[in-house]
Amino acid sequence: MTIPPWPASKTCITHAVIDLAITDVLDHFSIVVDARDALSMTFFYTSDLDQKCDFQVEGAVDEAFAEAQNIGSKMTLDDGSVTKQKDYDTLTDFWPFLRVKVTGQLAPTSGTVNVWIFKETLTR
């Protein structure tokens, strides 16, 4: 019996939130990522805001996000004014379109946040 080779995969990296300076407690959104060809998605968050901030992955069936749905658990990063805070989350549930919502718990006065999205896809 011959075992077929494991399918090759590739990773696409998107810098979805770039040095966003948050100074309020409103929701801020990353760019929308097309995940229709994704096997898995990893979200990497960094913050050096001087307040805690929350990151929530959202999924939708279309790019307009008319019916956005929270996916997984909210990720909270502590005050990063002294030491930059970092964390990640991996998603294997399928949603065609994804974005990240970033919200300060209290209004920060300094610092920025970044979000990178690593998408693993099958090569063809």
PDB file of N, CA and C in Angstrom:
ATOM      1  N   MET A   1       0.845  -1.177   0.000  1.00  0.00           N
ATOM      2  CA  MET A   1       0.000   0.000   0.000  1.00  0.00           C
ATOM      3  C   MET A   1       0.892   1.242   0.000  1.00  0.00           C
ATOM      4  N   THR A   2       0.593   2.142  -0.883  1.00  0.00           N
ATOM      5  CA  THR A   2       1.344   3.387  -0.977  1.00  0.00           C
ATOM      6  C   THR A   2       0.558   4.482  -0.279  1.00  0.00           C
ATOM      7  N   ILE A   3       1.251   5.194   0.596  1.00  0.00           N
ATOM      8  CA  ILE A   3       0.620   6.323   1.293  1.00  0.00           C
ATOM      9  C   ILE A   3       0.914   7.583   0.502  1.00  0.00           C
ATOM     10  N   PRO A   4      -0.135   8.318   0.113  1.00  0.00           N
ATOM     11  CA  PRO A   4       0.107   9.552  -0.638  1.00  0.00           C
ATOM     12  C   PRO A   4       0.845  10.576   0.217  1.00  0.00           C
ATOM     13  N   PRO A   5       1.626  11.444  -0.398  1.00  0.00           N
ATOM     14  CA  PRO A   5       2.352  12.456   0.380  1.00  0.00           C
ATOM     15  C   PRO A   5       1.385  13.420   1.063  1.00  0.00           C
ATOM     16  N   TRP A   6       1.838  13.904   2.198  1.00  0.00           N
ATOM     17  CA  TRP A   6       1.046  14.903   2.919  1.00  0.00           C
ATOM     18  C   TRP A   6       0.943  16.151   2.047  1.00  0.00           C
ATOM     19  N   PRO A   7      -0.241  16.747   1.946  1.00  0.00           N
ATOM     20  CA  PRO A   7      -0.368  17.943   1.098  1.00  0.00           C
ATOM     21  C   PRO A   7       0.546  19.069   1.571  1.00  0.00           C
ATOM     22  N   ALA A   8       1.154  19.720   0.647  1.00  0.00           N
ATOM     23  CA  ALA A   8       2.014  20.860   0.984  1.00  0.00           C
ATOM     24  C   ALA A   8       1.145  22.050   1.375  1.00  0.00           C
ATOM     25  N   SER A   9       1.659  22.866   2.266  1.00  0.00           N
ATOM     26  CA  SER A   9       0.926  24.059   2.658  1.00  0.00           C
ATOM     27  C   SER A   9       1.845  25.269   2.562  1.00  0.00           C
ATOM     28  N   LYS A  10       1.235  26.421   2.555  1.00  0.00           N
ATOM     29  CA  LYS A  10       1.999  27.665   2.553  1.00  0.00           C
ATOM     30  C   LYS A  10       1.342  28.606   3.555  1.00  0.00           C
ATOM     31  N   THR A  11       2.102  29.578   4.007  1.00  0.00           N
ATOM     32  CA  THR A  11       1.587  30.533   4.974  1.00  0.00           C
ATOM     33  C   THR A  11       1.617  31.932   4.378  1.00  0.00           C
ATOM     34  N   CYS A  12       0.492  32.618   4.503  1.00  0.00           N
ATOM     35  CA  CYS A  12       0.396  34.013   4.091  1.00  0.00           C
ATOM     36  C   CYS A  12       0.339  34.861   5.354  1.00  0.00           C
ATOM     37  N   ILE A  13       1.084  35.933   5.376  1.00  0.00           N
ATOM     38  CA  ILE A  13       1.131  36.808   6.549  1.00  0.00           C
ATOM     39  C   ILE A  13       0.525  38.159   6.179  1.00  0.00           C
ATOM     40  N   THR A  14      -0.416  38.611   6.999  1.00  0.00           N
ATOM     41  CA  THR A  14      -1.047  39.913   6.799  1.00  0.00           C
ATOM     42  C   THR A  14      -0.854  40.744   8.060  1.00  0.00           C
ATOM     43  N   HIS A  15      -0.302  41.940   7.905  1.00  0.00           N
ATOM     44  CA  HIS A  15      -0.196  42.874   9.030  1.00  0.00           C
ATOM     45  C   HIS A  15      -1.510  43.649   9.041  1.00  0.00           C
ATOM     46  N   ALA A  16      -2.486  43.145   9.801  1.00  0.00           N
ATOM     47  CA  ALA A  16      -3.868  43.609   9.711  1.00  0.00           C
ATOM     48  C   ALA A  16      -4.154  44.895  10.473  1.00  0.00           C
ATOM     49  N   VAL A  17      -3.391  45.159  11.519  1.00  0.00           N
ATOM     50  CA  VAL A  17      -3.477  46.424  12.266  1.00  0.00           C
ATOM     51  C   VAL A  17      -2.040  46.891  12.436  1.00  0.00           C
ATOM     52  N   ILE A  18      -1.746  48.088  11.931  1.00  0.00           N
ATOM     53  CA  ILE A  18      -0.370  48.577  11.928  1.00  0.00           C
ATOM     54  C   ILE A  18      -0.254  49.813  12.823  1.00  0.00           C
ATOM     55  N   ASP A  19       0.449  49.659  13.947  1.00  0.00           N
ATOM     56  CA  ASP A  19       0.743  50.771  14.857  1.00  0.00           C
ATOM     57  C   ASP A  19      -0.472  51.672  15.110  1.00  0.00           C
ATOM     58  N   LEU A  20      -1.591  51.044  15.482  1.00  0.00           N
ATOM     59  CA  LEU A  20      -2.817  51.790  15.762  1.00  0.00           C
ATOM     60  C   LEU A  20      -2.727  52.413  17.152  1.00  0.00           C
ATOM     61  N   ALA A  21      -2.792  53.745  17.201  1.00  0.00           N
ATOM     62  CA  ALA A  21      -2.780  54.471  18.475  1.00  0.00           C
ATOM     63  C   ALA A  21      -4.229  54.665  18.919  1.00  0.00           C
ATOM     64  N   ILE A  22      -4.636  53.958  19.956  1.00  0.00           N
ATOM     65  CA  ILE A  22      -6.001  54.059  20.473  1.00  0.00           C
ATOM     66  C   ILE A  22      -6.013  55.030  21.643  1.00  0.00           C
ATOM     67  N   THR A  23      -6.942  55.987  21.612  1.00  0.00           N
ATOM     68  CA  THR A  23      -7.050  56.957  22.701  1.00  0.00           C
ATOM     69  C   THR A  23      -8.490  57.060  23.199  1.00  0.00           C
ATOM     70  N   ASP A  24      -9.280  56.003  22.998  1.00  0.00           N
ATOM     71  CA  ASP A  24     -10.679  55.995  23.410  1.00  0.00           C
ATOM     72  C   ASP A  24     -11.084  54.572  23.778  1.00  0.00           C
ATOM     73  N   VAL A  25     -12.358  54.357  24.042  1.00  0.00           N
ATOM     74  CA  VAL A  25     -12.856  53.019  24.364  1.00  0.00           C
ATOM     75  C   VAL A  25     -13.816  52.522  23.276  1.00  0.00           C
ATOM     76  N   LEU A  26     -13.687  53.064  22.092  1.00  0.00           N
ATOM     77  CA  LEU A  26     -14.511  52.639  20.955  1.00  0.00           C
ATOM     78  C   LEU A  26     -13.914  51.387  20.322  1.00  0.00           C
ATOM     79  N   ASP A  27     -14.717  50.701  19.514  1.00  0.00           N
ATOM     80  CA  ASP A  27     -14.234  49.533  18.784  1.00  0.00           C
ATOM     81  C   ASP A  27     -13.460  49.983  17.548  1.00  0.00           C
ATOM     82  N   HIS A  28     -12.313  49.362  17.313  1.00  0.00           N
ATOM     83  CA  HIS A  28     -11.489  49.614  16.133  1.00  0.00           C
ATOM     84  C   HIS A  28     -11.321  48.268  15.430  1.00  0.00           C
ATOM     85  N   PHE A  29     -11.354  48.281  14.086  1.00  0.00           N
ATOM     86  CA  PHE A  29     -11.355  47.029  13.334  1.00  0.00           C
ATOM     87  C   PHE A  29     -10.150  46.912  12.409  1.00  0.00           C
ATOM     88  N   SER A  30      -9.656  45.685  12.295  1.00  0.00           N
ATOM     89  CA  SER A  30      -8.577  45.403  11.346  1.00  0.00           C
ATOM     90  C   SER A  30      -9.146  45.378   9.933  1.00  0.00           C
ATOM     91  N   ILE A  31      -8.258  45.201   8.968  1.00  0.00           N
ATOM     92  CA  ILE A  31      -8.725  44.952   7.623  1.00  0.00           C
ATOM     93  C   ILE A  31      -9.417  43.590   7.608  1.00  0.00           C
ATOM     94  N   VAL A  32     -10.249  43.362   6.618  1.00  0.00           N
ATOM     95  CA  VAL A  32     -10.942  42.084   6.467  1.00  0.00           C
ATOM     96  C   VAL A  32     -10.031  41.129   5.700  1.00  0.00           C
ATOM     97  N   VAL A  33      -9.919  39.907   6.209  1.00  0.00           N
ATOM     98  CA  VAL A  33      -9.094  38.889   5.570  1.00  0.00           C
ATOM     99  C   VAL A  33      -9.992  37.822   4.960  1.00  0.00           C
ATOM    100  N   ASP A  34      -9.756  37.527   3.687  1.00  0.00           N
ATOM    101  CA  ASP A  34     -10.481  36.463   2.993  1.00  0.00           C
ATOM    102  C   ASP A  34      -9.903  35.127   3.453  1.00  0.00           C
ATOM    103  N   ALA A  35     -10.704  34.335   4.143  1.00  0.00           N
ATOM    104  CA  ALA A  35     -10.228  33.072   4.716  1.00  0.00           C
ATOM    105  C   ALA A  35     -10.847  31.860   4.024  1.00  0.00           C
ATOM    106  N   ARG A  36     -11.409  32.057   2.840  1.00  0.00           N
ATOM    107  CA  ARG A  36     -12.106  30.950   2.172  1.00  0.00           C
ATOM    108  C   ARG A  36     -11.179  29.799   1.824  1.00  0.00           C
ATOM    109  N   ASP A  37      -9.881  30.052   1.693  1.00  0.00           N
ATOM    110  CA  ASP A  37      -8.946  28.975   1.353  1.00  0.00           C
ATOM    111  C   ASP A  37      -8.069  28.563   2.536  1.00  0.00           C
ATOM    112  N   ALA A  38      -8.432  28.986   3.736  1.00  0.00           N
ATOM    113  CA  ALA A  38      -7.583  28.744   4.910  1.00  0.00           C
ATOM    114  C   ALA A  38      -7.829  27.384   5.546  1.00  0.00           C
ATOM    115  N   LEU A  39      -6.737  26.751   5.959  1.00  0.00           N
ATOM    116  CA  LEU A  39      -6.817  25.555   6.796  1.00  0.00           C
ATOM    117  C   LEU A  39      -6.863  25.959   8.259  1.00  0.00           C
ATOM    118  N   SER A  40      -6.055  26.943   8.609  1.00  0.00           N
ATOM    119  CA  SER A  40      -6.049  27.486   9.970  1.00  0.00           C
ATOM    120  C   SER A  40      -5.558  28.929   9.909  1.00  0.00           C
ATOM    121  N   MET A  41      -5.877  29.664  10.950  1.00  0.00           N
ATOM    122  CA  MET A  41      -5.472  31.069  11.053  1.00  0.00           C
ATOM    123  C   MET A  41      -4.908  31.287  12.451  1.00  0.00           C
ATOM    124  N   THR A  42      -3.759  31.965  12.525  1.00  0.00           N
ATOM    125  CA  THR A  42      -3.188  32.343  13.807  1.00  0.00           C
ATOM    126  C   THR A  42      -3.145  33.862  13.874  1.00  0.00           C
ATOM    127  N   PHE A  43      -3.583  34.400  14.995  1.00  0.00           N
ATOM    128  CA  PHE A  43      -3.637  35.844  15.213  1.00  0.00           C
ATOM    129  C   PHE A  43      -2.601  36.177  16.280  1.00  0.00           C
ATOM    130  N   PHE A  44      -1.676  37.082  15.950  1.00  0.00           N
ATOM    131  CA  PHE A  44      -0.620  37.486  16.880  1.00  0.00           C
ATOM    132  C   PHE A  44      -0.844  38.951  17.226  1.00  0.00           C
ATOM    133  N   TYR A  45      -0.959  39.238  18.536  1.00  0.00           N
ATOM    134  CA  TYR A  45      -1.287  40.574  19.018  1.00  0.00           C
ATOM    135  C   TYR A  45      -0.116  41.147  19.818  1.00  0.00           C
ATOM    136  N   THR A  46       0.153  42.443  19.641  1.00  0.00           N
ATOM    137  CA  THR A  46       1.107  43.144  20.501  1.00  0.00           C
ATOM    138  C   THR A  46       0.497  44.473  20.933  1.00  0.00           C
ATOM    139  N   SER A  47       0.850  44.900  22.126  1.00  0.00           N
ATOM    140  CA  SER A  47       0.357  46.180  22.630  1.00  0.00           C
ATOM    141  C   SER A  47       1.380  46.802  23.559  1.00  0.00           C
ATOM    142  N   ASP A  48       1.629  48.090  23.360  1.00  0.00           N
ATOM    143  CA  ASP A  48       2.363  48.857  24.360  1.00  0.00           C
ATOM    144  C   ASP A  48       1.516  50.052  24.813  1.00  0.00           C
ATOM    145  N   LEU A  49       0.181  49.875  24.734  1.00  0.00           N
ATOM    146  CA  LEU A  49      -0.739  50.880  25.264  1.00  0.00           C
ATOM    147  C   LEU A  49      -0.553  50.982  26.777  1.00  0.00           C
ATOM    148  N   ASP A  50      -0.872  52.141  27.327  1.00  0.00           N
ATOM    149  CA  ASP A  50      -0.741  52.311  28.776  1.00  0.00           C
ATOM    150  C   ASP A  50      -2.013  51.901  29.527  1.00  0.00           C
ATOM    151  N   GLN A  51      -2.885  51.145  28.873  1.00  0.00           N
ATOM    152  CA  GLN A  51      -4.081  50.565  29.491  1.00  0.00           C
ATOM    153  C   GLN A  51      -4.291  49.161  28.920  1.00  0.00           C
ATOM    154  N   LYS A  52      -5.098  48.346  29.590  1.00  0.00           N
ATOM    155  CA  LYS A  52      -5.457  47.042  29.051  1.00  0.00           C
ATOM    156  C   LYS A  52      -6.270  47.222  27.776  1.00  0.00           C
ATOM    157  N   CYS A  53      -6.147  46.272  26.857  1.00  0.00           N
ATOM    158  CA  CYS A  53      -6.984  46.305  25.661  1.00  0.00           C
ATOM    159  C   CYS A  53      -7.433  44.888  25.313  1.00  0.00           C
ATOM    160  N   ASP A  54      -8.577  44.811  24.648  1.00  0.00           N
ATOM    161  CA  ASP A  54      -9.186  43.537  24.271  1.00  0.00           C
ATOM    162  C   ASP A  54      -9.085  43.341  22.767  1.00  0.00           C
ATOM    163  N   PHE A  55      -8.873  42.076  22.375  1.00  0.00           N
ATOM    164  CA  PHE A  55      -8.847  41.671  20.975  1.00  0.00           C
ATOM    165  C   PHE A  55      -9.906  40.587  20.800  1.00  0.00           C
ATOM    166  N   GLN A  56     -10.802  40.751  19.829  1.00  0.00           N
ATOM    167  CA  GLN A  56     -11.846  39.761  19.575  1.00  0.00           C
ATOM    168  C   GLN A  56     -11.890  39.466  18.076  1.00  0.00           C
ATOM    169  N   VAL A  57     -11.685  38.197  17.706  1.00  0.00           N
ATOM    170  CA  VAL A  57     -11.808  37.800  16.307  1.00  0.00           C
ATOM    171  C   VAL A  57     -13.292  37.738  15.960  1.00  0.00           C
ATOM    172  N   GLU A  58     -13.635  38.273  14.795  1.00  0.00           N
ATOM    173  CA  GLU A  58     -15.007  38.220  14.299  1.00  0.00           C
ATOM    174  C   GLU A  58     -15.013  37.544  12.933  1.00  0.00           C
ATOM    175  N   GLY A  59     -16.062  36.790  12.665  1.00  0.00           N
ATOM    176  CA  GLY A  59     -16.238  36.143  11.373  1.00  0.00           C
ATOM    177  C   GLY A  59     -17.537  36.584  10.745  1.00  0.00           C
ATOM    178  N   ALA A  60     -17.606  36.424   9.426  1.00  0.00           N
ATOM    179  CA  ALA A  60     -18.829  36.787   8.702  1.00  0.00           C
ATOM    180  C   ALA A  60     -18.902  35.989   7.415  1.00  0.00           C
ATOM    181  N   VAL A  61     -20.106  35.932   6.859  1.00  0.00           N
ATOM    182  CA  VAL A  61     -20.302  35.204   5.601  1.00  0.00           C
ATOM    183  C   VAL A  61     -20.008  36.075   4.392  1.00  0.00           C
ATOM    184  N   ASP A  62     -19.896  37.395   4.611  1.00  0.00           N
ATOM    185  CA  ASP A  62     -19.554  38.296   3.503  1.00  0.00           C
ATOM    186  C   ASP A  62     -18.608  39.391   3.987  1.00  0.00           C
ATOM    187  N   GLU A  63     -17.991  40.083   3.038  1.00  0.00           N
ATOM    188  CA  GLU A  63     -16.995  41.110   3.379  1.00  0.00           C
ATOM    189  C   GLU A  63     -17.592  42.337   4.050  1.00  0.00           C
ATOM    190  N   ALA A  64     -18.910  42.529   3.940  1.00  0.00           N
ATOM    191  CA  ALA A  64     -19.558  43.698   4.539  1.00  0.00           C
ATOM    192  C   ALA A  64     -19.742  43.549   6.052  1.00  0.00           C
ATOM    193  N   PHE A  65     -19.620  42.343   6.574  1.00  0.00           N
ATOM    194  CA  PHE A  65     -19.777  42.048   7.995  1.00  0.00           C
ATOM    195  C   PHE A  65     -21.128  42.502   8.534  1.00  0.00           C
ATOM    196  N   ALA A  66     -22.175  42.366   7.689  1.00  0.00           N
ATOM    197  CA  ALA A  66     -23.527  42.724   8.132  1.00  0.00           C
ATOM    198  C   ALA A  66     -23.976  41.823   9.271  1.00  0.00           C
ATOM    199  N   GLU A  67     -23.532  40.581   9.273  1.00  0.00           N
ATOM    200  CA  GLU A  67     -23.892  39.616  10.320  1.00  0.00           C
ATOM    201  C   GLU A  67     -22.615  39.119  11.006  1.00  0.00           C
ATOM    202  N   ALA A  68     -21.867  40.007  11.617  1.00  0.00           N
ATOM    203  CA  ALA A  68     -20.611  39.634  12.286  1.00  0.00           C
ATOM    204  C   ALA A  68     -20.890  38.763  13.508  1.00  0.00           C
ATOM    205  N   GLN A  69     -20.008  37.795  13.724  1.00  0.00           N
ATOM    206  CA  GLN A  69     -20.140  36.866  14.838  1.00  0.00           C
ATOM    207  C   GLN A  69     -18.805  36.777  15.570  1.00  0.00           C
ATOM    208  N   ASN A  70     -18.829  36.915  16.901  1.00  0.00           N
ATOM    209  CA  ASN A  70     -17.607  36.703  17.680  1.00  0.00           C
ATOM    210  C   ASN A  70     -17.184  35.251  17.555  1.00  0.00           C
ATOM    211  N   ILE A  71     -15.881  35.030  17.382  1.00  0.00           N
ATOM    212  CA  ILE A  71     -15.340  33.681  17.253  1.00  0.00           C
ATOM    213  C   ILE A  71     -14.314  33.480  18.361  1.00  0.00           C
ATOM    214  N   GLY A  72     -14.468  32.417  19.101  1.00  0.00           N
ATOM    215  CA  GLY A  72     -13.522  32.141  20.177  1.00  0.00           C
ATOM    216  C   GLY A  72     -13.673  33.122  21.324  1.00  0.00           C
ATOM    217  N   SER A  73     -12.686  33.112  22.184  1.00  0.00           N
ATOM    218  CA  SER A  73     -12.706  33.957  23.378  1.00  0.00           C
ATOM    219  C   SER A  73     -11.990  35.272  23.136  1.00  0.00           C
ATOM    220  N   LYS A  74     -12.440  36.281  23.854  1.00  0.00           N
ATOM    221  CA  LYS A  74     -11.778  37.584  23.806  1.00  0.00           C
ATOM    222  C   LYS A  74     -10.399  37.440  24.445  1.00  0.00           C
ATOM    223  N   MET A  75      -9.399  38.063  23.850  1.00  0.00           N
ATOM    224  CA  MET A  75      -8.036  38.048  24.366  1.00  0.00           C
ATOM    225  C   MET A  75      -7.754  39.434  24.968  1.00  0.00           C
ATOM    226  N   THR A  76      -7.301  39.478  26.222  1.00  0.00           N
ATOM    227  CA  THR A  76      -6.985  40.744  26.872  1.00  0.00           C
ATOM    228  C   THR A  76      -5.485  40.820  27.113  1.00  0.00           C
ATOM    229  N   LEU A  77      -4.890  41.942  26.703  1.00  0.00           N
ATOM    230  CA  LEU A  77      -3.481  42.200  26.989  1.00  0.00           C
ATOM    231  C   LEU A  77      -3.404  43.290  28.057  1.00  0.00           C
ATOM    232  N   ASP A  78      -2.528  43.085  29.023  1.00  0.00           N
ATOM    233  CA  ASP A  78      -2.355  44.037  30.117  1.00  0.00           C
ATOM    234  C   ASP A  78      -1.679  45.320  29.631  1.00  0.00           C
ATOM    235  N   ASP A  79      -1.620  46.283  30.533  1.00  0.00           N
ATOM    236  CA  ASP A  79      -0.901  47.536  30.305  1.00  0.00           C
ATOM    237  C   ASP A  79       0.508  47.210  29.798  1.00  0.00           C
ATOM    238  N   GLY A  80       0.847  47.738  28.627  1.00  0.00           N
ATOM    239  CA  GLY A  80       2.140  47.442  28.029  1.00  0.00           C
ATOM    240  C   GLY A  80       3.094  48.613  28.023  1.00  0.00           C
ATOM    241  N   SER A  81       2.833  49.623  28.877  1.00  0.00           N
ATOM    242  CA  SER A  81       3.670  50.825  28.847  1.00  0.00           C
ATOM    243  C   SER A  81       5.092  50.561  29.337  1.00  0.00           C
ATOM    244  N   VAL A  82       5.287  49.587  30.212  1.00  0.00           N
ATOM    245  CA  VAL A  82       6.630  49.263  30.701  1.00  0.00           C
ATOM    246  C   VAL A  82       7.230  48.131  29.874  1.00  0.00           C
ATOM    247  N   THR A  83       6.473  47.051  29.690  1.00  0.00           N
ATOM    248  CA  THR A  83       6.915  45.906  28.897  1.00  0.00           C
ATOM    249  C   THR A  83       5.846  45.591  27.867  1.00  0.00           C
ATOM    250  N   LYS A  84       6.232  45.602  26.588  1.00  0.00           N
ATOM    251  CA  LYS A  84       5.269  45.315  25.524  1.00  0.00           C
ATOM    252  C   LYS A  84       4.601  43.966  25.777  1.00  0.00           C
ATOM    253  N   GLN A  85       3.286  43.930  25.649  1.00  0.00           N
ATOM    254  CA  GLN A  85       2.512  42.720  25.866  1.00  0.00           C
ATOM    255  C   GLN A  85       2.272  42.001  24.532  1.00  0.00           C
ATOM    256  N   LYS A  86       2.315  40.659  24.550  1.00  0.00           N
ATOM    257  CA  LYS A  86       2.155  39.867  23.335  1.00  0.00           C
ATOM    258  C   LYS A  86       1.357  38.613  23.654  1.00  0.00           C
ATOM    259  N   ASP A  87       0.567  38.164  22.685  1.00  0.00           N
ATOM    260  CA  ASP A  87      -0.134  36.888  22.821  1.00  0.00           C
ATOM    261  C   ASP A  87      -0.634  36.477  21.444  1.00  0.00           C
ATOM    262  N   TYR A  88      -1.140  35.242  21.357  1.00  0.00           N
ATOM    263  CA  TYR A  88      -1.658  34.752  20.085  1.00  0.00           C
ATOM    264  C   TYR A  88      -2.824  33.813  20.321  1.00  0.00           C
ATOM    265  N   ASP A  89      -3.571  33.584  19.250  1.00  0.00           N
ATOM    266  CA  ASP A  89      -4.711  32.690  19.280  1.00  0.00           C
ATOM    267  C   ASP A  89      -4.777  32.003  17.924  1.00  0.00           C
ATOM    268  N   THR A  90      -5.114  30.707  17.897  1.00  0.00           N
ATOM    269  CA  THR A  90      -5.223  29.978  16.643  1.00  0.00           C
ATOM    270  C   THR A  90      -6.662  29.535  16.438  1.00  0.00           C
ATOM    271  N   LEU A  91      -7.154  29.718  15.222  1.00  0.00           N
ATOM    272  CA  LEU A  91      -8.526  29.401  14.869  1.00  0.00           C
ATOM    273  C   LEU A  91      -8.537  28.326  13.791  1.00  0.00           C
ATOM    274  N   THR A  92      -9.284  27.265  14.013  1.00  0.00           N
ATOM    275  CA  THR A  92      -9.430  26.233  12.987  1.00  0.00           C
ATOM    276  C   THR A  92     -10.872  26.116  12.498  1.00  0.00           C
ATOM    277  N   ASP A  93     -11.793  26.831  13.133  1.00  0.00           N
ATOM    278  CA  ASP A  93     -13.175  26.855  12.652  1.00  0.00           C
ATOM    279  C   ASP A  93     -13.226  27.640  11.353  1.00  0.00           C
ATOM    280  N   PHE A  94     -14.078  27.203  10.437  1.00  0.00           N
ATOM    281  CA  PHE A  94     -14.146  27.865   9.140  1.00  0.00           C
ATOM    282  C   PHE A  94     -15.122  29.034   9.160  1.00  0.00           C
ATOM    283  N   TRP A  95     -14.636  30.188   8.737  1.00  0.00           N
ATOM    284  CA  TRP A  95     -15.451  31.372   8.445  1.00  0.00           C
ATOM    285  C   TRP A  95     -14.867  31.988   7.186  1.00  0.00           C
ATOM    286  N   PRO A  96     -15.694  32.375   6.216  1.00  0.00           N
ATOM    287  CA  PRO A  96     -15.158  32.895   4.950  1.00  0.00           C
ATOM    288  C   PRO A  96     -14.378  34.205   5.091  1.00  0.00           C
ATOM    289  N   PHE A  97     -14.825  35.072   5.990  1.00  0.00           N
ATOM    290  CA  PHE A  97     -14.166  36.364   6.157  1.00  0.00           C
ATOM    291  C   PHE A  97     -13.939  36.628   7.642  1.00  0.00           C
ATOM    292  N   LEU A  98     -12.765  37.160   7.948  1.00  0.00           N
ATOM    293  CA  LEU A  98     -12.389  37.400   9.339  1.00  0.00           C
ATOM    294  C   LEU A  98     -11.815  38.803   9.507  1.00  0.00           C
ATOM    295  N   ARG A  99     -11.975  39.330  10.712  1.00  0.00           N
ATOM    296  CA  ARG A  99     -11.335  40.585  11.110  1.00  0.00           C
ATOM    297  C   ARG A  99     -11.146  40.529  12.621  1.00  0.00           C
ATOM    298  N   VAL A 100     -10.400  41.501  13.144  1.00  0.00           N
ATOM    299  CA  VAL A 100     -10.165  41.580  14.589  1.00  0.00           C
ATOM    300  C   VAL A 100     -10.681  42.923  15.089  1.00  0.00           C
ATOM    301  N   LYS A 101     -11.441  42.862  16.173  1.00  0.00           N
ATOM    302  CA  LYS A 101     -11.934  44.071  16.839  1.00  0.00           C
ATOM    303  C   LYS A 101     -10.998  44.356  18.014  1.00  0.00           C
ATOM    304  N   VAL A 102     -10.514  45.595  18.104  1.00  0.00           N
ATOM    305  CA  VAL A 102      -9.602  46.011  19.185  1.00  0.00           C
ATOM    306  C   VAL A 102     -10.298  47.117  19.980  1.00  0.00           C
ATOM    307  N   THR A 103     -10.327  46.953  21.310  1.00  0.00           N
ATOM    308  CA  THR A 103     -11.014  47.918  22.160  1.00  0.00           C
ATOM    309  C   THR A 103     -10.193  48.169  23.424  1.00  0.00           C
ATOM    310  N   GLY A 104      -9.961  49.434  23.744  1.00  0.00           N
ATOM    311  CA  GLY A 104      -9.307  49.775  25.004  1.00  0.00           C
ATOM    312  C   GLY A 104     -10.296  49.632  26.155  1.00  0.00           C
ATOM    313  N   GLN A 105      -9.863  49.065  27.281  1.00  0.00           N
ATOM    314  CA  GLN A 105     -10.771  48.940  28.431  1.00  0.00           C
ATOM    315  C   GLN A 105     -10.990  50.292  29.103  1.00  0.00           C
ATOM    316  N   LEU A 106      -9.937  51.090  29.197  1.00  0.00           N
ATOM    317  CA  LEU A 106      -9.997  52.492  29.608  1.00  0.00           C
ATOM    318  C   LEU A 106      -9.294  53.256  28.492  1.00  0.00           C
ATOM    319  N   ALA A 107      -9.561  54.542  28.358  1.00  0.00           N
ATOM    320  CA  ALA A 107      -8.957  55.307  27.273  1.00  0.00           C
ATOM    321  C   ALA A 107      -7.447  55.422  27.452  1.00  0.00           C
ATOM    322  N   PRO A 108      -6.651  54.779  26.592  1.00  0.00           N
ATOM    323  CA  PRO A 108      -5.198  54.906  26.674  1.00  0.00           C
ATOM    324  C   PRO A 108      -4.753  56.316  26.294  1.00  0.00           C
ATOM    325  N   THR A 109      -3.605  56.706  26.802  1.00  0.00           N
ATOM    326  CA  THR A 109      -3.052  58.016  26.439  1.00  0.00           C
ATOM    327  C   THR A 109      -1.773  57.885  25.620  1.00  0.00           C
ATOM    328  N   SER A 110      -1.212  56.675  25.574  1.00  0.00           N
ATOM    329  CA  SER A 110      -0.006  56.475  24.769  1.00  0.00           C
ATOM    330  C   SER A 110       0.100  55.013  24.355  1.00  0.00           C
ATOM    331  N   GLY A 111       0.892  54.779  23.315  1.00  0.00           N
ATOM    332  CA  GLY A 111       1.156  53.430  22.840  1.00  0.00           C
ATOM    333  C   GLY A 111       0.360  53.059  21.599  1.00  0.00           C
ATOM    334  N   THR A 112       0.675  51.877  21.072  1.00  0.00           N
ATOM    335  CA  THR A 112       0.021  51.384  19.858  1.00  0.00           C
ATOM    336  C   THR A 112      -0.234  49.886  19.981  1.00  0.00           C
ATOM    337  N   VAL A 113      -1.088  49.388  19.089  1.00  0.00           N
ATOM    338  CA  VAL A 113      -1.331  47.947  18.981  1.00  0.00           C
ATOM    339  C   VAL A 113      -1.035  47.506  17.559  1.00  0.00           C
ATOM    340  N   ASN A 114      -0.695  46.216  17.429  1.00  0.00           N
ATOM    341  CA  ASN A 114      -0.473  45.595  16.130  1.00  0.00           C
ATOM    342  C   ASN A 114      -1.137  44.230  16.130  1.00  0.00           C
ATOM    343  N   VAL A 115      -1.618  43.824  14.955  1.00  0.00           N
ATOM    344  CA  VAL A 115      -2.181  42.491  14.780  1.00  0.00           C
ATOM    345  C   VAL A 115      -1.627  41.924  13.484  1.00  0.00           C
ATOM    346  N   TRP A 116      -1.048  40.716  13.583  1.00  0.00           N
ATOM    347  CA  TRP A 116      -0.624  39.974  12.396  1.00  0.00           C
ATOM    348  C   TRP A 116      -1.516  38.752  12.291  1.00  0.00           C
ATOM    349  N   ILE A 117      -1.884  38.408  11.064  1.00  0.00           N
ATOM    350  CA  ILE A 117      -2.705  37.212  10.823  1.00  0.00           C
ATOM    351  C   ILE A 117      -1.899  36.285   9.915  1.00  0.00           C
ATOM    352  N   PHE A 118      -1.679  35.056  10.393  1.00  0.00           N
ATOM    353  CA  PHE A 118      -0.965  34.038   9.629  1.00  0.00           C
ATOM    354  C   PHE A 118      -1.999  33.047   9.128  1.00  0.00           C
ATOM    355  N   LYS A 119      -2.118  32.934   7.818  1.00  0.00           N
ATOM    356  CA  LYS A 119      -3.104  32.053   7.211  1.00  0.00           C
ATOM    357  C   LYS A 119      -2.395  30.892   6.539  1.00  0.00           C
ATOM    358  N   GLU A 120      -2.726  29.669   6.975  1.00  0.00           N
ATOM    359  CA  GLU A 120      -2.146  28.488   6.345  1.00  0.00           C
ATOM    360  C   GLU A 120      -3.135  27.960   5.306  1.00  0.00           C
ATOM    361  N   THR A 121      -2.628  27.769   4.086  1.00  0.00           N
ATOM    362  CA  THR A 121      -3.469  27.265   2.991  1.00  0.00           C
ATOM    363  C   THR A 121      -2.765  26.090   2.317  1.00  0.00           C
ATOM    364  N   LEU A 122      -3.555  25.282   1.631  1.00  0.00           N
ATOM    365  CA  LEU A 122      -2.971  24.216   0.818  1.00  0.00           C
ATOM    366  C   LEU A 122      -2.395  24.815  -0.455  1.00  0.00           C
ATOM    367  N   THR A 123      -1.269  24.312  -0.897  1.00  0.00           N
ATOM    368  CA  THR A 123      -0.742  24.735  -2.191  1.00  0.00           C
ATOM    369  C   THR A 123      -1.428  23.904  -3.256  1.00  0.00           C
ATOM    370  N   ARG A 124      -1.492  24.432  -4.428  1.00  0.00           N
ATOM    371  CA  ARG A 124      -2.153  23.708  -5.519  1.00  0.00           C
ATOM    372  C   ARG A 124      -1.233  23.503  -6.660  1.00  0.00           C
TER     373      ARG A 124
END
